[in-house]
């Protein structure tokens, strides 16, 4: 399975690591992996419209989850408030 990520600006990117230690430091020791060349990774992601490749990222954010509804003065100005009211 191919796993894609997003850059801080929201663009999709493939991610490669130069060592298992760097991968573990970023994604955890239990992360499955296989060895690929840069060319192979680009060949797999290019047809998906993902031209970016990030090597050895040092930070990842947790997945976005749906949180509780916004309450208070900001909720009244939110475009979502009109849809849910």
PDB file of N, CA and C in Angstrom:
ATOM      1  N   UNK A   1       0.845  -1.163   0.000  1.00  0.00           N
ATOM      2  CA  UNK A   1       0.000   0.000   0.000  1.00  0.00           C
ATOM      3  C   UNK A   1       0.897   1.235   0.000  1.00  0.00           C
ATOM      4  N   UNK A   2       0.529   2.191  -0.782  1.00  0.00           N
ATOM      5  CA  UNK A   2       1.250   3.443  -0.873  1.00  0.00           C
ATOM      6  C   UNK A   2       0.599   4.445   0.067  1.00  0.00           C
ATOM      7  N   UNK A   3       1.395   5.111   0.875  1.00  0.00           N
ATOM      8  CA  UNK A   3       0.879   6.087   1.827  1.00  0.00           C
ATOM      9  C   UNK A   3       1.380   7.468   1.425  1.00  0.00           C
ATOM     10  N   UNK A   4       0.436   8.386   1.224  1.00  0.00           N
ATOM     11  CA  UNK A   4       0.779   9.750   0.854  1.00  0.00           C
ATOM     12  C   UNK A   4       0.542  10.669   2.043  1.00  0.00           C
ATOM     13  N   UNK A   5       1.224  11.804   2.048  1.00  0.00           N
ATOM     14  CA  UNK A   5       1.129  12.772   3.122  1.00  0.00           C
ATOM     15  C   UNK A   5       0.756  14.122   2.530  1.00  0.00           C
ATOM     16  N   UNK A   6       0.594  15.114   3.400  1.00  0.00           N
ATOM     17  CA  UNK A   6       0.351  16.484   2.961  1.00  0.00           C
ATOM     18  C   UNK A   6       1.444  17.384   3.506  1.00  0.00           C
ATOM     19  N   UNK A   7       1.847  18.346   2.691  1.00  0.00           N
ATOM     20  CA  UNK A   7       2.816  19.342   3.140  1.00  0.00           C
ATOM     21  C   UNK A   7       2.100  20.313   4.080  1.00  0.00           C
ATOM     22  N   UNK A   8       2.838  21.166   4.792  1.00  0.00           N
ATOM     23  CA  UNK A   8       2.175  22.150   5.656  1.00  0.00           C
ATOM     24  C   UNK A   8       1.193  23.059   4.900  1.00  0.00           C
ATOM     25  N   UNK A   9       1.384  23.222   3.595  1.00  0.00           N
ATOM     26  CA  UNK A   9       0.464  24.049   2.804  1.00  0.00           C
ATOM     27  C   UNK A   9      -0.661  23.237   2.167  1.00  0.00           C
ATOM     28  N   UNK A  10      -0.692  21.933   2.427  1.00  0.00           N
ATOM     29  CA  UNK A  10      -1.799  21.095   1.967  1.00  0.00           C
ATOM     30  C   UNK A  10      -1.579  20.325   0.688  1.00  0.00           C
ATOM     31  N   UNK A  11      -0.435  20.475   0.041  1.00  0.00           N
ATOM     32  CA  UNK A  11      -0.165  19.724  -1.188  1.00  0.00           C
ATOM     33  C   UNK A  11       0.148  18.266  -0.846  1.00  0.00           C
ATOM     34  N   UNK A  12      -0.288  17.366  -1.705  1.00  0.00           N
ATOM     35  CA  UNK A  12       0.027  15.951  -1.477  1.00  0.00           C
ATOM     36  C   UNK A  12       1.488  15.695  -1.814  1.00  0.00           C
ATOM     37  N   UNK A  13       2.123  14.819  -1.037  1.00  0.00           N
ATOM     38  CA  UNK A  13       3.520  14.490  -1.265  1.00  0.00           C
ATOM     39  C   UNK A  13       3.781  13.037  -0.901  1.00  0.00           C
ATOM     40  N   UNK A  14       4.682  12.423  -1.644  1.00  0.00           N
ATOM     41  CA  UNK A  14       5.206  11.123  -1.247  1.00  0.00           C
ATOM     42  C   UNK A  14       6.293  11.399  -0.217  1.00  0.00           C
ATOM     43  N   UNK A  15       6.557  10.454   0.645  1.00  0.00           N
ATOM     44  CA  UNK A  15       7.586  10.629   1.672  1.00  0.00           C
ATOM     45  C   UNK A  15       8.541   9.453   1.611  1.00  0.00           C
ATOM     46  N   UNK A  16       9.832   9.776   1.648  1.00  0.00           N
ATOM     47  CA  UNK A  16      10.868   8.760   1.681  1.00  0.00           C
ATOM     48  C   UNK A  16      11.803   9.018   2.845  1.00  0.00           C
ATOM     49  N   UNK A  17      12.379   7.959   3.342  1.00  0.00           N
ATOM     50  CA  UNK A  17      13.327   8.064   4.456  1.00  0.00           C
ATOM     51  C   UNK A  17      14.643   7.435   4.037  1.00  0.00           C
ATOM     52  N   UNK A  18      15.731   8.012   4.514  1.00  0.00           N
ATOM     53  CA  UNK A  18      17.048   7.515   4.137  1.00  0.00           C
ATOM     54  C   UNK A  18      17.544   6.415   5.058  1.00  0.00           C
ATOM     55  N   UNK A  19      16.809   6.127   6.139  1.00  0.00           N
ATOM     56  CA  UNK A  19      17.187   5.014   7.016  1.00  0.00           C
ATOM     57  C   UNK A  19      15.969   4.569   7.828  1.00  0.00           C
ATOM     58  N   UNK A  20      15.952   3.304   8.248  1.00  0.00           N
ATOM     59  CA  UNK A  20      14.857   2.833   9.107  1.00  0.00           C
ATOM     60  C   UNK A  20      14.776   3.625  10.423  1.00  0.00           C
ATOM     61  N   UNK A  21      15.911   4.076  10.945  1.00  0.00           N
ATOM     62  CA  UNK A  21      15.899   4.859  12.187  1.00  0.00           C
ATOM     63  C   UNK A  21      15.163   6.185  12.007  1.00  0.00           C
ATOM     64  N   UNK A  22      15.372   6.838  10.888  1.00  0.00           N
ATOM     65  CA  UNK A  22      14.683   8.106  10.637  1.00  0.00           C
ATOM     66  C   UNK A  22      13.187   7.892  10.450  1.00  0.00           C
ATOM     67  N   UNK A  23      12.821   6.813   9.773  1.00  0.00           N
ATOM     68  CA  UNK A  23      11.405   6.486   9.619  1.00  0.00           C
ATOM     69  C   UNK A  23      10.780   6.232  10.986  1.00  0.00           C
ATOM     70  N   UNK A  24      11.417   5.436  11.812  1.00  0.00           N
ATOM     71  CA  UNK A  24      10.896   5.125  13.150  1.00  0.00           C
ATOM     72  C   UNK A  24      10.776   6.364  14.023  1.00  0.00           C
ATOM     73  N   UNK A  25      11.736   7.274  13.913  1.00  0.00           N
ATOM     74  CA  UNK A  25      11.693   8.488  14.725  1.00  0.00           C
ATOM     75  C   UNK A  25      10.499   9.362  14.360  1.00  0.00           C
ATOM     76  N   UNK A  26      10.067   9.313  13.114  1.00  0.00           N
ATOM     77  CA  UNK A  26       8.963  10.155  12.669  1.00  0.00           C
ATOM     78  C   UNK A  26       7.621   9.451  12.743  1.00  0.00           C
ATOM     79  N   UNK A  27       7.551   8.193  12.318  1.00  0.00           N
ATOM     80  CA  UNK A  27       6.276   7.488  12.220  1.00  0.00           C
ATOM     81  C   UNK A  27       6.090   6.374  13.240  1.00  0.00           C
ATOM     82  N   UNK A  28       7.112   6.101  14.032  1.00  0.00           N
ATOM     83  CA  UNK A  28       6.996   5.054  15.044  1.00  0.00           C
ATOM     84  C   UNK A  28       7.659   3.764  14.616  1.00  0.00           C
ATOM     85  N   UNK A  29       8.072   2.996  15.602  1.00  0.00           N
ATOM     86  CA  UNK A  29       8.821   1.763  15.349  1.00  0.00           C
ATOM     87  C   UNK A  29       7.986   0.679  14.669  1.00  0.00           C
ATOM     88  N   UNK A  30       6.681   0.746  14.801  1.00  0.00           N
ATOM     89  CA  UNK A  30       5.814  -0.298  14.230  1.00  0.00           C
ATOM     90  C   UNK A  30       5.425  -0.025  12.781  1.00  0.00           C
ATOM     91  N   UNK A  31       5.901   1.069  12.208  1.00  0.00           N
ATOM     92  CA  UNK A  31       5.547   1.424  10.832  1.00  0.00           C
ATOM     93  C   UNK A  31       6.163   0.421   9.855  1.00  0.00           C
ATOM     94  N   UNK A  32       5.325  -0.163   9.023  1.00  0.00           N
ATOM     95  CA  UNK A  32       5.810  -1.082   7.984  1.00  0.00           C
ATOM     96  C   UNK A  32       6.521  -0.283   6.899  1.00  0.00           C
ATOM     97  N   UNK A  33       7.504  -0.899   6.253  1.00  0.00           N
ATOM     98  CA  UNK A  33       8.220  -0.201   5.200  1.00  0.00           C
ATOM     99  C   UNK A  33       8.865  -1.204   4.260  1.00  0.00           C
ATOM    100  N   UNK A  34       9.175  -0.728   3.057  1.00  0.00           N
ATOM    101  CA  UNK A  34       9.975  -1.489   2.098  1.00  0.00           C
ATOM    102  C   UNK A  34      10.999  -0.538   1.504  1.00  0.00           C
ATOM    103  N   UNK A  35      12.066  -1.073   0.991  1.00  0.00           N
ATOM    104  CA  UNK A  35      13.111  -0.261   0.380  1.00  0.00           C
ATOM    105  C   UNK A  35      12.720   0.009  -1.078  1.00  0.00           C
ATOM    106  N   UNK A  36      12.731   1.297  -1.461  1.00  0.00           N
ATOM    107  CA  UNK A  36      12.447   1.712  -2.834  1.00  0.00           C
ATOM    108  C   UNK A  36      13.460   2.755  -3.259  1.00  0.00           C
ATOM    109  N   UNK A  37      13.744   2.798  -4.525  1.00  0.00           N
ATOM    110  CA  UNK A  37      14.572   3.889  -5.056  1.00  0.00           C
ATOM    111  C   UNK A  37      13.682   5.116  -5.239  1.00  0.00           C
ATOM    112  N   UNK A  38      14.313   6.272  -5.346  1.00  0.00           N
ATOM    113  CA  UNK A  38      13.551   7.495  -5.612  1.00  0.00           C
ATOM    114  C   UNK A  38      12.778   7.359  -6.920  1.00  0.00           C
ATOM    115  N   UNK A  39      13.419   6.797  -7.930  1.00  0.00           N
ATOM    116  CA  UNK A  39      12.762   6.639  -9.229  1.00  0.00           C
ATOM    117  C   UNK A  39      11.516   5.757  -9.122  1.00  0.00           C
ATOM    118  N   UNK A  40      11.591   4.692  -8.349  1.00  0.00           N
ATOM    119  CA  UNK A  40      10.439   3.802  -8.188  1.00  0.00           C
ATOM    120  C   UNK A  40       9.300   4.511  -7.459  1.00  0.00           C
ATOM    121  N   UNK A  41       9.631   5.272  -6.418  1.00  0.00           N
ATOM    122  CA  UNK A  41       8.608   6.007  -5.673  1.00  0.00           C
ATOM    123  C   UNK A  41       7.948   7.053  -6.566  1.00  0.00           C
ATOM    124  N   UNK A  42       8.742   7.757  -7.327  1.00  0.00           N
ATOM    125  CA  UNK A  42       8.177   8.762  -8.246  1.00  0.00           C
ATOM    126  C   UNK A  42       7.324   8.104  -9.338  1.00  0.00           C
ATOM    127  N   UNK A  43       7.732   6.943  -9.816  1.00  0.00           N
ATOM    128  CA  UNK A  43       6.958   6.227 -10.835  1.00  0.00           C
ATOM    129  C   UNK A  43       5.600   5.788 -10.288  1.00  0.00           C
ATOM    130  N   UNK A  44       5.547   5.488  -9.013  1.00  0.00           N
ATOM    131  CA  UNK A  44       4.281   5.069  -8.396  1.00  0.00           C
ATOM    132  C   UNK A  44       3.362   6.248  -8.103  1.00  0.00           C
ATOM    133  N   UNK A  45       3.923   7.397  -7.745  1.00  0.00           N
ATOM    134  CA  UNK A  45       3.092   8.538  -7.346  1.00  0.00           C
ATOM    135  C   UNK A  45       2.787   9.493  -8.494  1.00  0.00           C
ATOM    136  N   UNK A  46       3.611   9.512  -9.511  1.00  0.00           N
ATOM    137  CA  UNK A  46       3.378  10.397 -10.657  1.00  0.00           C
ATOM    138  C   UNK A  46       2.007  10.218 -11.296  1.00  0.00           C
ATOM    139  N   UNK A  47       1.602   8.987 -11.622  1.00  0.00           N
ATOM    140  CA  UNK A  47       0.288   8.779 -12.234  1.00  0.00           C
ATOM    141  C   UNK A  47      -0.875   9.180 -11.319  1.00  0.00           C
ATOM    142  N   UNK A  48      -0.621   9.313 -10.029  1.00  0.00           N
ATOM    143  CA  UNK A  48      -1.659   9.740  -9.086  1.00  0.00           C
ATOM    144  C   UNK A  48      -1.728  11.258  -8.978  1.00  0.00           C
ATOM    145  N   UNK A  49      -0.882  11.958  -9.732  1.00  0.00           N
ATOM    146  CA  UNK A  49      -0.869  13.409  -9.684  1.00  0.00           C
ATOM    147  C   UNK A  49      -0.115  13.959  -8.490  1.00  0.00           C
ATOM    148  N   UNK A  50       0.848  13.200  -7.991  1.00  0.00           N
ATOM    149  CA  UNK A  50       1.632  13.618  -6.825  1.00  0.00           C
ATOM    150  C   UNK A  50       3.098  13.737  -7.253  1.00  0.00           C
ATOM    151  N   UNK A  51       3.501  14.923  -7.703  1.00  0.00           N
ATOM    152  CA  UNK A  51       4.879  15.088  -8.167  1.00  0.00           C
ATOM    153  C   UNK A  51       5.881  15.378  -7.046  1.00  0.00           C
ATOM    154  N   UNK A  52       5.407  15.742  -5.857  1.00  0.00           N
ATOM    155  CA  UNK A  52       6.310  16.116  -4.766  1.00  0.00           C
ATOM    156  C   UNK A  52       6.838  14.894  -4.023  1.00  0.00           C
ATOM    157  N   UNK A  53       8.079  15.000  -3.582  1.00  0.00           N
ATOM    158  CA  UNK A  53       8.706  13.971  -2.754  1.00  0.00           C
ATOM    159  C   UNK A  53       9.409  14.664  -1.596  1.00  0.00           C
ATOM    160  N   UNK A  54       9.023  14.317  -0.395  1.00  0.00           N
ATOM    161  CA  UNK A  54       9.649  14.854   0.809  1.00  0.00           C
ATOM    162  C   UNK A  54      10.547  13.770   1.389  1.00  0.00           C
ATOM    163  N   UNK A  55      11.803  14.113   1.649  1.00  0.00           N
ATOM    164  CA  UNK A  55      12.759  13.142   2.181  1.00  0.00           C
ATOM    165  C   UNK A  55      13.078  13.485   3.627  1.00  0.00           C
ATOM    166  N   UNK A  56      12.992  12.472   4.489  1.00  0.00           N
ATOM    167  CA  UNK A  56      13.309  12.581   5.914  1.00  0.00           C
ATOM    168  C   UNK A  56      12.594  13.725   6.629  1.00  0.00           C
ATOM    169  N   UNK A  57      11.250  13.777   6.562  1.00  0.00           N
ATOM    170  CA  UNK A  57      10.564  14.797   7.345  1.00  0.00           C
ATOM    171  C   UNK A  57      10.793  14.529   8.832  1.00  0.00           C
ATOM    172  N   UNK A  58      10.877  15.580   9.601  1.00  0.00           N
ATOM    173  CA  UNK A  58      11.156  15.402  11.029  1.00  0.00           C
ATOM    174  C   UNK A  58       9.936  15.644  11.900  1.00  0.00           C
ATOM    175  N   UNK A  59       8.829  16.023  11.296  1.00  0.00           N
ATOM    176  CA  UNK A  59       7.631  16.281  12.077  1.00  0.00           C
ATOM    177  C   UNK A  59       6.424  15.795  11.312  1.00  0.00           C
ATOM    178  N   UNK A  60       5.513  15.143  12.013  1.00  0.00           N
ATOM    179  CA  UNK A  60       4.226  14.807  11.442  1.00  0.00           C
ATOM    180  C   UNK A  60       3.160  15.188  12.452  1.00  0.00           C
ATOM    181  N   UNK A  61       2.043  15.618  11.974  1.00  0.00           N
ATOM    182  CA  UNK A  61       0.924  15.980  12.839  1.00  0.00           C
ATOM    183  C   UNK A  61      -0.055  14.819  12.896  1.00  0.00           C
ATOM    184  N   UNK A  62      -0.801  14.697  13.976  1.00  0.00           N
ATOM    185  CA  UNK A  62      -1.801  13.636  14.037  1.00  0.00           C
ATOM    186  C   UNK A  62      -2.879  13.849  12.983  1.00  0.00           C
ATOM    187  N   UNK A  63      -3.561  12.794  12.627  1.00  0.00           N
ATOM    188  CA  UNK A  63      -4.635  12.889  11.646  1.00  0.00           C
ATOM    189  C   UNK A  63      -5.723  13.833  12.151  1.00  0.00           C
ATOM    190  N   UNK A  64      -6.346  14.532  11.214  1.00  0.00           N
ATOM    191  CA  UNK A  64      -7.429  15.436  11.571  1.00  0.00           C
ATOM    192  C   UNK A  64      -8.639  14.613  11.964  1.00  0.00           C
ATOM    193  N   UNK A  65      -9.258  14.978  13.064  1.00  0.00           N
ATOM    194  CA  UNK A  65     -10.464  14.295  13.511  1.00  0.00           C
ATOM    195  C   UNK A  65     -11.578  15.309  13.667  1.00  0.00           C
ATOM    196  N   UNK A  66     -12.796  14.832  13.625  1.00  0.00           N
ATOM    197  CA  UNK A  66     -13.939  15.710  13.829  1.00  0.00           C
ATOM    198  C   UNK A  66     -14.079  15.980  15.312  1.00  0.00           C
ATOM    199  N   UNK A  67     -14.127  17.235  15.661  1.00  0.00           N
ATOM    200  CA  UNK A  67     -14.248  17.615  17.061  1.00  0.00           C
ATOM    201  C   UNK A  67     -15.663  18.008  17.402  1.00  0.00           C
ATOM    202  N   UNK A  68     -15.867  18.428  18.633  1.00  0.00           N
ATOM    203  CA  UNK A  68     -17.198  18.852  19.047  1.00  0.00           C
ATOM    204  C   UNK A  68     -17.609  20.140  18.329  1.00  0.00           C
ATOM    205  N   UNK A  69     -18.893  20.410  18.278  1.00  0.00           N
ATOM    206  CA  UNK A  69     -19.395  21.617  17.629  1.00  0.00           C
ATOM    207  C   UNK A  69     -18.883  22.853  18.356  1.00  0.00           C
ATOM    208  N   UNK A  70     -18.667  23.913  17.590  1.00  0.00           N
ATOM    209  CA  UNK A  70     -18.200  25.167  18.156  1.00  0.00           C
ATOM    210  C   UNK A  70     -19.370  25.862  18.843  1.00  0.00           C
ATOM    211  N   UNK A  71     -19.137  26.356  20.040  1.00  0.00           N
ATOM    212  CA  UNK A  71     -20.166  27.086  20.771  1.00  0.00           C
ATOM    213  C   UNK A  71     -19.662  28.480  21.084  1.00  0.00           C
ATOM    214  N   UNK A  72     -20.546  29.381  21.309  1.00  0.00           N
ATOM    215  CA  UNK A  72     -20.159  30.729  21.703  1.00  0.00           C
ATOM    216  C   UNK A  72     -20.281  31.711  20.559  1.00  0.00           C
ATOM    217  N   UNK A  73     -19.718  32.921  20.748  1.00  0.00           N
ATOM    218  CA  UNK A  73     -19.896  33.996  19.759  1.00  0.00           C
ATOM    219  C   UNK A  73     -19.363  33.651  18.370  1.00  0.00           C
ATOM    220  N   UNK A  74     -18.274  32.885  18.294  1.00  0.00           N
ATOM    221  CA  UNK A  74     -17.734  32.543  16.982  1.00  0.00           C
ATOM    222  C   UNK A  74     -18.657  31.621  16.213  1.00  0.00           C
ATOM    223  N   UNK A  75     -19.401  30.783  16.903  1.00  0.00           N
ATOM    224  CA  UNK A  75     -20.306  29.847  16.236  1.00  0.00           C
ATOM    225  C   UNK A  75     -21.391  30.586  15.476  1.00  0.00           C
ATOM    226  N   UNK A  76     -21.832  31.742  15.999  1.00  0.00           N
ATOM    227  CA  UNK A  76     -22.897  32.497  15.354  1.00  0.00           C
ATOM    228  C   UNK A  76     -22.432  33.085  14.025  1.00  0.00           C
ATOM    229  N   UNK A  77     -21.129  33.376  13.883  1.00  0.00           N
ATOM    230  CA  UNK A  77     -20.616  33.943  12.642  1.00  0.00           C
ATOM    231  C   UNK A  77     -20.138  32.876  11.678  1.00  0.00           C
ATOM    232  N   UNK A  78     -20.072  31.632  12.124  1.00  0.00           N
ATOM    233  CA  UNK A  78     -19.574  30.548  11.289  1.00  0.00           C
ATOM    234  C   UNK A  78     -20.551  30.207  10.190  1.00  0.00           C
ATOM    235  N   UNK A  79     -20.065  29.970   8.956  1.00  0.00           N
ATOM    236  CA  UNK A  79     -20.969  29.530   7.888  1.00  0.00           C
ATOM    237  C   UNK A  79     -21.624  28.198   8.212  1.00  0.00           C
ATOM    238  N   UNK A  80     -20.985  27.404   9.067  1.00  0.00           N
ATOM    239  CA  UNK A  80     -21.589  26.127   9.450  1.00  0.00           C
ATOM    240  C   UNK A  80     -22.797  26.337  10.348  1.00  0.00           C
ATOM    241  N   UNK A  81     -22.816  27.419  11.118  1.00  0.00           N
ATOM    242  CA  UNK A  81     -23.939  27.675  12.022  1.00  0.00           C
ATOM    243  C   UNK A  81     -25.231  27.817  11.249  1.00  0.00           C
ATOM    244  N   UNK A  82     -25.181  28.451  10.088  1.00  0.00           N
ATOM    245  CA  UNK A  82     -26.384  28.638   9.285  1.00  0.00           C
ATOM    246  C   UNK A  82     -26.897  27.306   8.766  1.00  0.00           C
ATOM    247  N   UNK A  83     -25.993  26.392   8.446  1.00  0.00           N
ATOM    248  CA  UNK A  83     -26.414  25.086   7.912  1.00  0.00           C
ATOM    249  C   UNK A  83     -26.954  24.168   8.984  1.00  0.00           C
ATOM    250  N   UNK A  84     -26.427  24.271  10.191  1.00  0.00           N
ATOM    251  CA  UNK A  84     -26.837  23.333  11.229  1.00  0.00           C
ATOM    252  C   UNK A  84     -27.968  23.865  12.081  1.00  0.00           C
ATOM    253  N   UNK A  85     -28.297  25.156  11.960  1.00  0.00           N
ATOM    254  CA  UNK A  85     -29.342  25.743  12.795  1.00  0.00           C
ATOM    255  C   UNK A  85     -30.723  25.407  12.269  1.00  0.00           C
TER     256      UNK A  85
END
